[in-house]
Amino acid sequence: QGVVTAINSDDGEMSRRLNQEAAKSVKYGGVSEEDAWKFVTLNPAKLLHLDNRVGSLKVGKDADVVLWSGHPMSVYSKAEKTLIEGTVYFDLERDKQLRDAIKKERSELMTMMMKEKNNGLKTQPIKKKESEHLHCNSL
């Protein structure tokens, strides 16, 4: 088999894009798509001696699965559904429904507040909280 090669990251952002790192192996390294996919699935499991439990889809193995809108190595593909230990943790359609419900609720609350203001209720200015950007050097 040769050298078992894996791509990994301890960075939260990069770990969400390992599929794109695998794609770079295809484009710039001349690696087959199948081997590149193993760089981020089966091979890390082999290196950790966990390939009997994880790293590939097989009856009896533990698996977290992402269903993509297109080719999983494309930057244009979106995660449509994510399953972890058999439980759906993300569903794009459900997410859209929740966002629509939040938008509707926000609109209703704004309408209620404007109505109260127009009826003479005392108001206060909006206080915008600055979002805090944390970096590994800021701790």
N, C-alpha and C. Protein backbone atom coordinates (compact mmCIF):
# COMPACT_ATOMS: atom_id res chain seq x y z
N GLN A 1 0.82 -1.19 0.00
CA GLN A 1 0.00 0.00 0.00
C GLN A 1 0.86 1.26 0.00
N GLY A 2 2.02 1.25 0.59
CA GLY A 2 2.84 2.45 0.66
C GLY A 2 2.57 3.22 1.94
N VAL A 3 2.89 4.50 1.93
CA VAL A 3 2.73 5.36 3.10
C VAL A 3 1.26 5.74 3.25
N VAL A 4 0.72 5.57 4.45
CA VAL A 4 -0.65 5.98 4.73
C VAL A 4 -0.63 7.49 4.97
N THR A 5 -1.32 8.22 4.10
CA THR A 5 -1.31 9.68 4.15
C THR A 5 -2.67 10.18 4.61
N ALA A 6 -2.64 11.18 5.50
CA ALA A 6 -3.88 11.75 6.01
C ALA A 6 -3.77 13.26 6.06
N ILE A 7 -4.91 13.91 5.94
CA ILE A 7 -5.00 15.36 6.13
C ILE A 7 -5.87 15.57 7.35
N ASN A 8 -5.38 16.38 8.28
CA ASN A 8 -6.20 16.69 9.45
C ASN A 8 -5.92 18.12 9.88
N SER A 9 -6.66 18.58 10.87
CA SER A 9 -6.45 19.92 11.39
C SER A 9 -7.02 20.00 12.79
N ASP A 10 -6.39 20.82 13.62
CA ASP A 10 -6.93 21.07 14.94
C ASP A 10 -7.68 22.41 14.97
N ASP A 11 -7.79 23.05 13.82
CA ASP A 11 -8.50 24.31 13.70
C ASP A 11 -9.96 24.05 13.36
N GLY A 12 -10.85 24.68 14.09
CA GLY A 12 -12.28 24.46 13.89
C GLY A 12 -12.74 24.79 12.48
N GLU A 13 -12.23 25.87 11.91
CA GLU A 13 -12.62 26.25 10.56
C GLU A 13 -12.09 25.27 9.52
N MET A 14 -10.83 24.93 9.64
CA MET A 14 -10.22 24.02 8.66
C MET A 14 -10.85 22.63 8.73
N SER A 15 -11.17 22.18 9.93
CA SER A 15 -11.73 20.83 10.05
C SER A 15 -13.09 20.73 9.37
N ARG A 16 -13.78 21.86 9.19
CA ARG A 16 -15.05 21.85 8.47
C ARG A 16 -14.86 21.84 6.96
N ARG A 17 -13.62 21.98 6.52
CA ARG A 17 -13.35 22.05 5.08
C ARG A 17 -12.33 21.00 4.62
N LEU A 18 -12.25 19.92 5.32
CA LEU A 18 -11.29 18.88 4.93
C LEU A 18 -11.62 18.31 3.56
N ASN A 19 -12.88 18.33 3.19
CA ASN A 19 -13.26 17.86 1.85
C ASN A 19 -12.59 18.71 0.77
N GLN A 20 -12.45 20.00 1.03
CA GLN A 20 -11.79 20.88 0.06
C GLN A 20 -10.28 20.64 0.04
N GLU A 21 -9.72 20.30 1.19
CA GLU A 21 -8.30 19.96 1.24
C GLU A 21 -8.05 18.68 0.44
N ALA A 22 -8.97 17.73 0.54
CA ALA A 22 -8.85 16.51 -0.26
C ALA A 22 -8.91 16.84 -1.74
N ALA A 23 -9.78 17.78 -2.11
CA ALA A 23 -9.90 18.18 -3.52
C ALA A 23 -8.59 18.79 -4.03
N LYS A 24 -7.89 19.51 -3.17
CA LYS A 24 -6.59 20.09 -3.58
C LYS A 24 -5.58 18.98 -3.89
N SER A 25 -5.69 17.87 -3.17
CA SER A 25 -4.80 16.74 -3.43
C SER A 25 -5.04 16.17 -4.83
N VAL A 26 -6.29 16.20 -5.26
CA VAL A 26 -6.62 15.74 -6.61
C VAL A 26 -6.08 16.72 -7.64
N LYS A 27 -6.38 18.00 -7.43
CA LYS A 27 -6.01 19.01 -8.42
C LYS A 27 -4.50 19.22 -8.51
N TYR A 28 -3.85 19.36 -7.38
CA TYR A 28 -2.43 19.72 -7.39
C TYR A 28 -1.49 18.54 -7.17
N GLY A 29 -2.02 17.45 -6.63
CA GLY A 29 -1.16 16.31 -6.33
C GLY A 29 -1.33 15.14 -7.27
N GLY A 30 -2.31 15.23 -8.16
CA GLY A 30 -2.52 14.15 -9.11
C GLY A 30 -3.03 12.87 -8.47
N VAL A 31 -3.65 12.99 -7.31
CA VAL A 31 -4.17 11.84 -6.58
C VAL A 31 -5.58 11.53 -7.08
N SER A 32 -5.97 10.28 -7.08
CA SER A 32 -7.34 9.93 -7.48
C SER A 32 -8.32 10.46 -6.44
N GLU A 33 -9.57 10.69 -6.86
CA GLU A 33 -10.59 11.17 -5.93
C GLU A 33 -10.79 10.18 -4.78
N GLU A 34 -10.77 8.91 -5.10
CA GLU A 34 -10.96 7.89 -4.06
C GLU A 34 -9.85 7.96 -3.02
N ASP A 35 -8.61 8.05 -3.46
CA ASP A 35 -7.50 8.15 -2.51
C ASP A 35 -7.55 9.45 -1.72
N ALA A 36 -7.89 10.54 -2.39
CA ALA A 36 -7.99 11.84 -1.70
C ALA A 36 -9.06 11.79 -0.62
N TRP A 37 -10.18 11.14 -0.93
CA TRP A 37 -11.26 11.02 0.06
C TRP A 37 -10.78 10.22 1.27
N LYS A 38 -9.98 9.20 1.01
CA LYS A 38 -9.42 8.41 2.12
C LYS A 38 -8.48 9.24 2.99
N PHE A 39 -7.85 10.28 2.40
CA PHE A 39 -6.96 11.15 3.18
C PHE A 39 -7.70 11.78 4.37
N VAL A 40 -9.01 11.97 4.23
CA VAL A 40 -9.77 12.65 5.29
C VAL A 40 -10.80 11.74 5.97
N THR A 41 -10.79 10.46 5.63
CA THR A 41 -11.75 9.53 6.24
C THR A 41 -11.04 8.30 6.79
N LEU A 42 -10.78 7.35 5.93
CA LEU A 42 -10.23 6.07 6.36
C LEU A 42 -8.78 6.16 6.85
N ASN A 43 -7.95 6.91 6.15
CA ASN A 43 -6.53 6.94 6.52
C ASN A 43 -6.26 7.52 7.91
N PRO A 44 -6.91 8.62 8.32
CA PRO A 44 -6.70 9.07 9.70
C PRO A 44 -7.11 8.01 10.71
N ALA A 45 -8.19 7.29 10.40
CA ALA A 45 -8.64 6.21 11.30
C ALA A 45 -7.58 5.10 11.37
N LYS A 46 -6.99 4.78 10.23
CA LYS A 46 -5.92 3.77 10.22
C LYS A 46 -4.74 4.21 11.07
N LEU A 47 -4.34 5.47 10.92
CA LEU A 47 -3.19 5.98 11.68
C LEU A 47 -3.44 5.97 13.18
N LEU A 48 -4.71 6.12 13.56
CA LEU A 48 -5.08 6.08 14.98
C LEU A 48 -5.48 4.68 15.44
N HIS A 49 -5.35 3.71 14.55
CA HIS A 49 -5.73 2.32 14.83
C HIS A 49 -7.20 2.22 15.26
N LEU A 50 -8.04 3.02 14.60
CA LEU A 50 -9.48 3.01 14.87
C LEU A 50 -10.29 2.60 13.65
N ASP A 51 -9.61 2.14 12.60
CA ASP A 51 -10.30 1.84 11.36
C ASP A 51 -11.25 0.64 11.46
N ASN A 52 -11.17 -0.09 12.56
CA ASN A 52 -12.15 -1.17 12.77
C ASN A 52 -13.49 -0.59 13.24
N ARG A 53 -13.49 0.69 13.68
CA ARG A 53 -14.71 1.32 14.20
C ARG A 53 -15.20 2.49 13.35
N VAL A 54 -14.24 3.26 12.78
CA VAL A 54 -14.61 4.48 12.05
C VAL A 54 -13.79 4.60 10.77
N GLY A 55 -14.10 5.59 9.97
CA GLY A 55 -13.31 5.89 8.78
C GLY A 55 -13.93 5.46 7.47
N SER A 56 -14.92 4.59 7.54
CA SER A 56 -15.62 4.15 6.33
C SER A 56 -17.04 3.73 6.72
N LEU A 57 -17.90 3.65 5.72
CA LEU A 57 -19.28 3.24 5.97
C LEU A 57 -19.39 1.73 5.82
N LYS A 58 -19.76 1.09 6.91
CA LYS A 58 -19.89 -0.35 6.92
C LYS A 58 -20.80 -0.73 8.09
N VAL A 59 -21.63 -1.72 7.90
CA VAL A 59 -22.52 -2.18 8.96
C VAL A 59 -21.71 -2.50 10.20
N GLY A 60 -22.14 -1.95 11.34
CA GLY A 60 -21.47 -2.21 12.60
C GLY A 60 -20.46 -1.14 13.00
N LYS A 61 -20.08 -0.28 12.05
CA LYS A 61 -19.14 0.79 12.37
C LYS A 61 -19.89 2.04 12.83
N ASP A 62 -19.19 2.88 13.60
CA ASP A 62 -19.73 4.18 13.98
C ASP A 62 -19.50 5.11 12.80
N ALA A 63 -20.48 5.97 12.52
CA ALA A 63 -20.30 6.87 11.38
C ALA A 63 -21.04 8.18 11.59
N ASP A 64 -20.38 9.25 11.26
CA ASP A 64 -21.01 10.55 11.09
C ASP A 64 -21.05 10.77 9.59
N VAL A 65 -22.19 11.21 9.08
CA VAL A 65 -22.37 11.28 7.63
C VAL A 65 -22.88 12.66 7.23
N VAL A 66 -22.33 13.18 6.15
CA VAL A 66 -22.80 14.44 5.57
C VAL A 66 -23.35 14.13 4.18
N LEU A 67 -24.57 14.60 3.90
CA LEU A 67 -25.15 14.48 2.56
C LEU A 67 -24.99 15.84 1.89
N TRP A 68 -24.35 15.84 0.72
CA TRP A 68 -24.00 17.08 0.03
C TRP A 68 -24.97 17.37 -1.11
N SER A 69 -25.06 18.64 -1.48
CA SER A 69 -25.93 19.05 -2.59
C SER A 69 -25.31 18.71 -3.95
N GLY A 70 -24.02 18.43 -3.97
CA GLY A 70 -23.30 18.10 -5.19
C GLY A 70 -22.08 17.26 -4.85
N HIS A 71 -21.07 17.34 -5.69
CA HIS A 71 -19.84 16.58 -5.46
C HIS A 71 -19.24 17.03 -4.13
N PRO A 72 -18.90 16.10 -3.24
CA PRO A 72 -18.42 16.49 -1.91
C PRO A 72 -17.09 17.23 -1.90
N MET A 73 -16.34 17.19 -2.99
CA MET A 73 -15.07 17.92 -3.03
C MET A 73 -15.20 19.27 -3.72
N SER A 74 -16.40 19.66 -4.08
CA SER A 74 -16.61 20.94 -4.74
C SER A 74 -16.85 22.04 -3.71
N VAL A 75 -16.24 23.21 -3.95
CA VAL A 75 -16.47 24.35 -3.06
C VAL A 75 -17.89 24.87 -3.19
N TYR A 76 -18.59 24.47 -4.23
CA TYR A 76 -19.95 24.93 -4.46
C TYR A 76 -21.00 24.04 -3.79
N SER A 77 -20.60 22.88 -3.33
CA SER A 77 -21.55 21.97 -2.68
C SER A 77 -21.82 22.43 -1.26
N LYS A 78 -23.05 22.25 -0.84
CA LYS A 78 -23.46 22.62 0.52
C LYS A 78 -23.85 21.36 1.27
N ALA A 79 -23.60 21.37 2.55
CA ALA A 79 -24.07 20.27 3.40
C ALA A 79 -25.58 20.41 3.51
N GLU A 80 -26.31 19.39 3.06
CA GLU A 80 -27.77 19.43 3.14
C GLU A 80 -28.27 18.75 4.41
N LYS A 81 -27.52 17.77 4.87
CA LYS A 81 -27.94 17.03 6.06
C LYS A 81 -26.71 16.46 6.73
N THR A 82 -26.67 16.52 8.05
CA THR A 82 -25.57 15.94 8.82
C THR A 82 -26.15 15.01 9.87
N LEU A 83 -25.65 13.78 9.89
CA LEU A 83 -26.08 12.80 10.87
C LEU A 83 -24.89 12.42 11.74
N ILE A 84 -25.10 12.44 13.05
CA ILE A 84 -24.07 12.05 14.00
C ILE A 84 -24.67 10.98 14.90
N GLU A 85 -24.03 9.83 14.92
CA GLU A 85 -24.52 8.68 15.69
C GLU A 85 -25.99 8.40 15.40
N GLY A 86 -26.36 8.53 14.13
CA GLY A 86 -27.71 8.21 13.70
C GLY A 86 -28.74 9.30 13.93
N THR A 87 -28.35 10.42 14.52
CA THR A 87 -29.27 11.52 14.79
C THR A 87 -29.00 12.65 13.81
N VAL A 88 -30.07 13.21 13.23
CA VAL A 88 -29.91 14.34 12.31
C VAL A 88 -29.61 15.58 13.15
N TYR A 89 -28.40 16.12 12.96
CA TYR A 89 -28.00 17.34 13.67
C TYR A 89 -28.21 18.59 12.84
N PHE A 90 -28.22 18.44 11.52
CA PHE A 90 -28.46 19.57 10.64
C PHE A 90 -29.24 19.10 9.43
N ASP A 91 -30.25 19.88 9.08
CA ASP A 91 -31.04 19.61 7.88
C ASP A 91 -31.29 20.96 7.22
N LEU A 92 -30.80 21.15 6.02
CA LEU A 92 -30.89 22.43 5.33
C LEU A 92 -32.33 22.89 5.18
N GLU A 93 -33.24 22.00 4.85
CA GLU A 93 -34.64 22.36 4.69
C GLU A 93 -35.25 22.79 6.03
N ARG A 94 -34.95 22.05 7.08
CA ARG A 94 -35.44 22.41 8.42
C ARG A 94 -34.84 23.75 8.86
N ASP A 95 -33.57 23.96 8.54
CA ASP A 95 -32.91 25.23 8.87
C ASP A 95 -33.62 26.39 8.19
N LYS A 96 -34.01 26.21 6.93
CA LYS A 96 -34.73 27.26 6.21
C LYS A 96 -36.07 27.54 6.88
N GLN A 97 -36.78 26.49 7.28
CA GLN A 97 -38.06 26.67 7.96
C GLN A 97 -37.88 27.44 9.27
N LEU A 98 -36.85 27.09 10.04
CA LEU A 98 -36.59 27.78 11.30
C LEU A 98 -36.23 29.24 11.07
N ARG A 99 -35.41 29.50 10.05
CA ARG A 99 -35.04 30.89 9.74
C ARG A 99 -36.26 31.70 9.33
N ASP A 100 -37.14 31.10 8.54
CA ASP A 100 -38.37 31.79 8.13
C ASP A 100 -39.25 32.08 9.34
N ALA A 101 -39.35 31.13 10.27
CA ALA A 101 -40.16 31.32 11.47
C ALA A 101 -39.57 32.44 12.34
N ILE A 102 -38.26 32.48 12.46
CA ILE A 102 -37.60 33.53 13.25
C ILE A 102 -37.83 34.89 12.60
N LYS A 103 -37.72 34.94 11.29
CA LYS A 103 -37.93 36.20 10.56
C LYS A 103 -39.36 36.70 10.77
N LYS A 104 -40.32 35.78 10.72
CA LYS A 104 -41.72 36.14 10.93
C LYS A 104 -41.94 36.64 12.35
N GLU A 105 -41.39 35.92 13.34
CA GLU A 105 -41.54 36.32 14.73
C GLU A 105 -40.91 37.69 14.98
N ARG A 106 -39.74 37.92 14.40
CA ARG A 106 -39.07 39.21 14.56
C ARG A 106 -39.94 40.33 13.98
N SER A 107 -40.50 40.10 12.82
CA SER A 107 -41.36 41.08 12.18
C SER A 107 -42.58 41.39 13.06
N GLU A 108 -43.18 40.34 13.62
CA GLU A 108 -44.33 40.53 14.50
C GLU A 108 -43.96 41.33 15.75
N LEU A 109 -42.81 41.04 16.33
CA LEU A 109 -42.35 41.77 17.51
C LEU A 109 -42.07 43.24 17.18
N MET A 110 -41.45 43.48 16.04
CA MET A 110 -41.18 44.86 15.63
C MET A 110 -42.48 45.63 15.42
N THR A 111 -43.45 44.98 14.80
CA THR A 111 -44.75 45.62 14.58
C THR A 111 -45.41 45.95 15.92
N MET A 112 -45.36 45.01 16.87
CA MET A 112 -45.94 45.26 18.20
C MET A 112 -45.25 46.43 18.89
N MET A 113 -43.92 46.48 18.82
CA MET A 113 -43.18 47.55 19.47
C MET A 113 -43.48 48.91 18.83
N MET A 114 -43.57 48.95 17.51
CA MET A 114 -43.88 50.20 16.83
C MET A 114 -45.29 50.67 17.19
N LYS A 115 -46.20 49.72 17.31
CA LYS A 115 -47.57 50.05 17.68
C LYS A 115 -47.60 50.66 19.09
N GLU A 116 -46.88 50.04 20.01
CA GLU A 116 -46.80 50.55 21.39
C GLU A 116 -46.18 51.94 21.42
N LYS A 117 -45.12 52.15 20.64
CA LYS A 117 -44.46 53.46 20.59
C LYS A 117 -45.44 54.51 20.06
N ASN A 118 -46.16 54.15 19.00
CA ASN A 118 -47.13 55.08 18.41
C ASN A 118 -48.28 55.38 19.36
N ASN A 119 -48.54 54.49 20.31
CA ASN A 119 -49.58 54.70 21.32
C ASN A 119 -49.06 55.46 22.53
N GLY A 120 -47.79 55.94 22.46
CA GLY A 120 -47.25 56.78 23.52
C GLY A 120 -46.39 56.07 24.54
N LEU A 121 -46.12 54.81 24.38
CA LEU A 121 -45.27 54.11 25.33
C LEU A 121 -43.85 54.66 25.24
N LYS A 122 -43.24 54.88 26.41
CA LYS A 122 -41.87 55.41 26.45
C LYS A 122 -40.91 54.35 25.91
N THR A 123 -39.97 54.79 25.09
CA THR A 123 -39.00 53.88 24.49
C THR A 123 -37.58 54.29 24.86
N GLN A 124 -36.65 53.44 24.56
CA GLN A 124 -35.24 53.75 24.79
C GLN A 124 -34.47 53.44 23.52
N PRO A 125 -33.33 54.10 23.34
CA PRO A 125 -32.56 53.85 22.11
C PRO A 125 -32.00 52.42 22.08
N ILE A 126 -31.79 51.95 20.88
CA ILE A 126 -31.21 50.61 20.69
C ILE A 126 -29.76 50.63 21.15
N LYS A 127 -29.38 49.63 21.91
CA LYS A 127 -28.00 49.49 22.36
C LYS A 127 -27.38 48.33 21.59
N LYS A 128 -26.49 48.68 20.69
CA LYS A 128 -25.86 47.64 19.88
C LYS A 128 -24.63 47.12 20.60
N LYS A 129 -24.58 45.83 20.79
CA LYS A 129 -23.44 45.19 21.43
C LYS A 129 -22.41 44.83 20.37
N GLU A 130 -21.20 45.28 20.58
CA GLU A 130 -20.13 44.94 19.64
C GLU A 130 -19.78 43.47 19.78
N SER A 131 -19.66 42.79 18.66
CA SER A 131 -19.30 41.37 18.73
C SER A 131 -17.80 41.26 19.02
N GLU A 132 -17.47 40.33 19.87
CA GLU A 132 -16.09 40.14 20.28
C GLU A 132 -15.44 39.10 19.38
N HIS A 133 -14.32 39.47 18.81
CA HIS A 133 -13.58 38.55 17.95
C HIS A 133 -12.43 37.96 18.75
N LEU A 134 -12.46 36.67 18.94
CA LEU A 134 -11.40 36.00 19.69
C LEU A 134 -10.42 35.35 18.74
N HIS A 135 -9.18 35.42 19.10
CA HIS A 135 -8.10 34.79 18.34
C HIS A 135 -7.25 34.03 19.34
N CYS A 136 -6.53 33.04 18.88
CA CYS A 136 -5.73 32.22 19.79
C CYS A 136 -4.71 33.06 20.57
N ASN A 137 -4.28 34.19 20.03
CA ASN A 137 -3.32 35.06 20.72
C ASN A 137 -3.98 35.99 21.73
N SER A 138 -5.30 36.10 21.71
CA SER A 138 -5.98 37.06 22.59
C SER A 138 -6.35 36.47 23.94
N LEU A 139 -6.07 35.21 24.17
CA LEU A 139 -6.42 34.60 25.45
C LEU A 139 -5.29 34.61 26.42
